[in-house]
Amino acid sequence: MSVLRTDRLLLRDWRASDLAPWAAMNADPEVRAYFPGVLTPEQSAASVAGFQADLDRRGWGWWAVEVAATGEFVGFAGLDPVDDGMPFTGVEAGWRLARPAWGHGYATEAARTVVSHGFESLGLAEVLAVTAAGNLRSRAVMDRLGMTHDPADDFDDPEVPEGPLRRSVVYRLRAGGHRFGGGRRGVSDAVGRGG
């Protein structure tokens, strides 16, 4: 079992009790505002099965995020290889939180922890983050992580239908470019792309 801890959060394996709040998150149009649509309960359950299979197989991936003080499931964060068919390769960091968890700094806290894990434990040379160009809250988390954006890397996501969500941005952070631990350093949350 692979567990990452921050000052306030636990990033852990998925539990059966996470399925209902995860499905509710993915059925929320505000949480899914920068995705082509909401997910059905079956699609959410299938994603959890895939996430846990990756964690079991390689020891890292998309972890469930829990508030340590209360045990409340609030979303997910993690690292995953970039999908085939994208115009770049590498390992992507991502996060997504339920609306009641927004505004507490959890996304930045979780993202810092997974990026540090990628560099310090997995030996990655670089971590990417990808989101729809208009997702300013997610981009603010990327900025707080110290990631850089080169407009030359912007692309039209082939997995997204034609429309305003298709244009995507790529942020990058090279190993050695981060100087943070897993503690709370940010003040707002975002809805990242991953998953």
Protein backbone atom coordinates (compact mmCIF):
# COMPACT_ATOMS: atom_id res chain seq x y z
CA MET A 1 0.00 0.00 0.00
CA SER A 2 1.41 3.33 -1.08
CA VAL A 3 0.43 6.26 1.16
CA LEU A 4 1.59 9.87 0.97
CA ARG A 5 1.00 12.26 3.87
CA THR A 6 0.91 16.03 4.07
CA ASP A 7 0.22 18.28 7.04
CA ARG A 8 -3.52 17.85 6.56
CA LEU A 9 -4.09 15.19 3.93
CA LEU A 10 -3.66 11.49 3.35
CA LEU A 11 -3.18 10.28 -0.22
CA ARG A 12 -4.04 6.60 -0.10
CA ASP A 13 -5.46 3.54 -1.81
CA TRP A 14 -9.10 3.62 -2.84
CA ARG A 15 -11.84 2.15 -0.61
CA ALA A 16 -15.35 0.98 -1.40
CA SER A 17 -16.62 3.90 0.72
CA ASP A 18 -15.00 6.34 -1.76
CA LEU A 19 -17.21 5.24 -4.67
CA ALA A 20 -20.35 7.22 -3.80
CA PRO A 21 -18.60 10.57 -3.11
CA TRP A 22 -16.35 10.05 -6.16
CA ALA A 23 -19.39 9.42 -8.37
CA ALA A 24 -21.11 12.49 -6.90
CA MET A 25 -18.04 14.62 -7.70
CA ASN A 26 -17.96 13.38 -11.27
CA ALA A 27 -21.68 14.06 -11.69
CA ASP A 28 -21.20 17.69 -10.58
CA PRO A 29 -21.11 20.03 -13.62
CA GLU A 30 -18.95 22.54 -11.73
CA VAL A 31 -16.32 19.93 -10.85
CA ARG A 32 -16.39 18.75 -14.48
CA ALA A 33 -16.51 22.26 -15.98
CA TYR A 34 -13.25 21.76 -17.91
CA PHE A 35 -14.07 18.27 -19.15
CA PRO A 36 -16.37 17.32 -22.03
CA GLY A 37 -19.10 16.20 -19.62
CA VAL A 38 -20.06 14.54 -16.37
CA LEU A 39 -19.52 10.84 -15.71
CA THR A 40 -22.10 8.18 -14.98
CA PRO A 41 -21.77 6.19 -11.73
CA GLU A 42 -20.56 3.24 -13.82
CA GLN A 43 -17.84 5.34 -15.46
CA SER A 44 -16.72 6.65 -12.07
CA ALA A 45 -16.58 3.12 -10.64
CA ALA A 46 -14.56 1.93 -13.65
CA SER A 47 -12.08 4.78 -13.18
CA VAL A 48 -11.56 3.83 -9.52
CA ALA A 49 -10.91 0.22 -10.50
CA GLY A 50 -8.28 1.40 -12.98
CA PHE A 51 -6.70 3.80 -10.51
CA GLN A 52 -6.38 1.10 -7.85
CA ALA A 53 -5.02 -1.42 -10.35
CA ASP A 54 -2.26 1.05 -11.26
CA LEU A 55 -1.45 1.69 -7.59
CA ASP A 56 -1.30 -2.06 -6.94
CA ARG A 57 0.86 -2.71 -9.99
CA ARG A 58 3.41 0.09 -9.79
CA GLY A 59 2.94 1.69 -6.35
CA TRP A 60 1.99 5.14 -7.70
CA GLY A 61 -0.76 6.72 -9.75
CA TRP A 62 -4.02 8.47 -8.84
CA TRP A 63 -4.48 8.31 -5.07
CA ALA A 64 -7.69 8.99 -3.16
CA VAL A 65 -7.35 12.16 -1.05
CA GLU A 66 -8.67 12.19 2.50
CA VAL A 67 -8.64 14.94 5.13
CA ALA A 68 -6.52 13.37 7.85
CA ALA A 69 -8.33 15.02 10.77
CA THR A 70 -11.81 13.84 9.74
CA GLY A 71 -11.27 10.85 7.41
CA GLU A 72 -13.41 12.61 4.79
CA PHE A 73 -12.79 11.65 1.16
CA VAL A 74 -12.38 14.87 -0.84
CA GLY A 75 -11.04 13.84 -4.24
CA PHE A 76 -7.94 12.55 -5.93
CA ALA A 77 -4.40 13.58 -6.79
CA GLY A 78 -1.47 11.81 -8.31
CA LEU A 79 0.85 11.05 -11.16
CA ASP A 80 0.24 9.12 -14.36
CA PRO A 81 2.05 8.57 -17.66
CA VAL A 82 0.72 10.87 -20.38
CA ASP A 83 -1.93 9.14 -22.52
CA ASP A 84 -0.91 7.74 -25.90
CA GLY A 85 -1.83 10.03 -28.77
CA MET A 86 -0.79 13.24 -27.04
CA PRO A 87 1.80 15.45 -28.76
CA PHE A 88 4.25 14.95 -25.88
CA THR A 89 5.34 12.23 -23.47
CA GLY A 90 6.18 12.14 -19.79
CA VAL A 91 4.47 11.84 -16.42
CA GLU A 92 1.59 14.14 -15.58
CA ALA A 93 0.53 15.41 -12.16
CA GLY A 94 -3.17 16.02 -11.61
CA TRP A 95 -5.83 16.65 -8.98
CA ARG A 96 -9.58 16.96 -8.67
CA LEU A 97 -11.54 17.86 -5.55
CA ALA A 98 -15.18 17.95 -4.55
CA ARG A 99 -16.59 21.48 -4.36
CA PRO A 100 -16.86 21.55 -0.53
CA ALA A 101 -13.07 20.97 -0.44
CA TRP A 102 -12.30 23.98 -2.64
CA GLY A 103 -10.78 27.05 -1.03
CA HIS A 104 -8.77 25.25 1.67
CA GLY A 105 -5.44 24.90 -0.16
CA TYR A 106 -5.84 21.13 -0.48
CA ALA A 107 -5.13 20.98 -4.23
CA THR A 108 -1.83 22.79 -3.90
CA GLU A 109 -0.88 20.75 -0.84
CA ALA A 110 -1.64 17.44 -2.55
CA ALA A 111 0.00 18.52 -5.82
CA ARG A 112 3.23 19.54 -4.07
CA THR A 113 3.36 16.16 -2.40
CA VAL A 114 2.86 14.13 -5.58
CA VAL A 115 5.38 16.24 -7.50
CA SER A 116 7.95 15.81 -4.71
CA HIS A 117 7.23 12.07 -4.72
CA GLY A 118 7.80 11.98 -8.47
CA PHE A 119 11.20 13.60 -8.18
CA GLU A 120 12.47 12.22 -4.88
CA SER A 121 11.07 8.67 -4.87
CA LEU A 122 10.49 7.87 -8.55
CA GLY A 123 13.53 9.70 -9.92
CA LEU A 124 11.57 11.55 -12.61
CA ALA A 125 13.49 14.15 -14.57
CA GLU A 126 10.36 16.22 -15.21
CA VAL A 127 6.71 16.39 -14.18
CA LEU A 128 4.02 17.85 -16.44
CA ALA A 129 0.58 19.25 -15.71
CA VAL A 130 -2.08 19.67 -18.40
CA THR A 131 -5.41 21.48 -18.34
CA ALA A 132 -7.86 23.30 -20.56
CA ALA A 133 -6.49 26.73 -21.44
CA GLY A 134 -9.38 28.46 -19.68
CA ASN A 135 -8.96 26.63 -16.37
CA LEU A 136 -7.34 29.54 -14.55
CA ARG A 137 -7.71 28.04 -11.08
CA SER A 138 -5.83 24.90 -12.07
CA ARG A 139 -3.21 26.98 -13.83
CA ALA A 140 -2.75 29.01 -10.62
CA VAL A 141 -1.87 25.78 -8.76
CA MET A 142 0.66 24.99 -11.49
CA ASP A 143 2.18 28.44 -11.05
CA ARG A 144 2.39 27.94 -7.27
CA LEU A 145 4.24 24.68 -7.89
CA GLY A 146 6.86 26.64 -9.81
CA MET A 147 5.90 25.06 -13.12
CA THR A 148 6.52 26.97 -16.33
CA HIS A 149 4.27 27.34 -19.37
CA ASP A 150 5.57 27.72 -22.91
CA PRO A 151 2.77 28.71 -25.33
CA ALA A 152 4.61 26.73 -28.02
CA ASP A 153 3.53 23.57 -26.14
CA ASP A 154 -0.20 24.45 -26.25
CA PHE A 155 -2.23 21.93 -28.24
CA ASP A 156 -5.71 20.83 -29.22
CA ASP A 157 -6.53 17.76 -27.10
CA PRO A 158 -7.51 14.95 -29.50
CA GLU A 159 -9.65 13.36 -26.75
CA VAL A 160 -11.85 16.47 -26.41
CA PRO A 161 -14.56 17.33 -28.95
CA GLU A 162 -14.26 20.52 -31.00
CA GLY A 163 -15.11 23.51 -28.83
CA PRO A 164 -13.77 25.84 -26.13
CA LEU A 165 -12.39 23.01 -23.95
CA ARG A 166 -10.22 21.51 -26.66
CA ARG A 167 -7.33 23.99 -26.42
CA SER A 168 -4.99 22.77 -23.69
CA VAL A 169 -1.86 24.04 -22.00
CA VAL A 170 1.16 22.13 -20.73
CA TYR A 171 3.15 23.19 -17.69
CA ARG A 172 6.53 21.67 -16.84
CA LEU A 173 8.76 21.37 -13.82
CA ARG A 174 12.20 19.84 -14.03
CA ALA A 175 13.84 17.91 -11.20
CA GLY A 176 15.73 20.30 -8.95
CA GLY A 177 13.29 23.09 -9.82
CA HIS A 178 11.13 22.41 -6.79
CA ARG A 179 11.90 23.45 -3.24
CA PHE A 180 8.84 22.43 -1.31
CA GLY A 181 7.71 19.68 1.02
CA GLY A 182 4.28 18.21 1.48
CA GLY A 183 2.97 20.84 3.86
CA ARG A 184 0.39 23.53 3.34
CA ARG A 185 1.81 26.42 1.34
CA GLY A 186 -1.00 27.42 -1.02
CA VAL A 187 -4.30 29.10 -0.30
CA SER A 188 -6.71 28.01 -3.03
CA ASP A 189 -7.71 24.92 -4.90
CA ALA A 190 -8.25 23.95 -8.47
CA VAL A 191 -9.67 21.20 -10.54
CA GLY A 192 -6.82 19.55 -12.41
CA ARG A 193 -7.18 17.46 -15.52
CA GLY A 194 -5.99 14.02 -14.52
CA GLY A 195 -8.31 11.02 -14.69
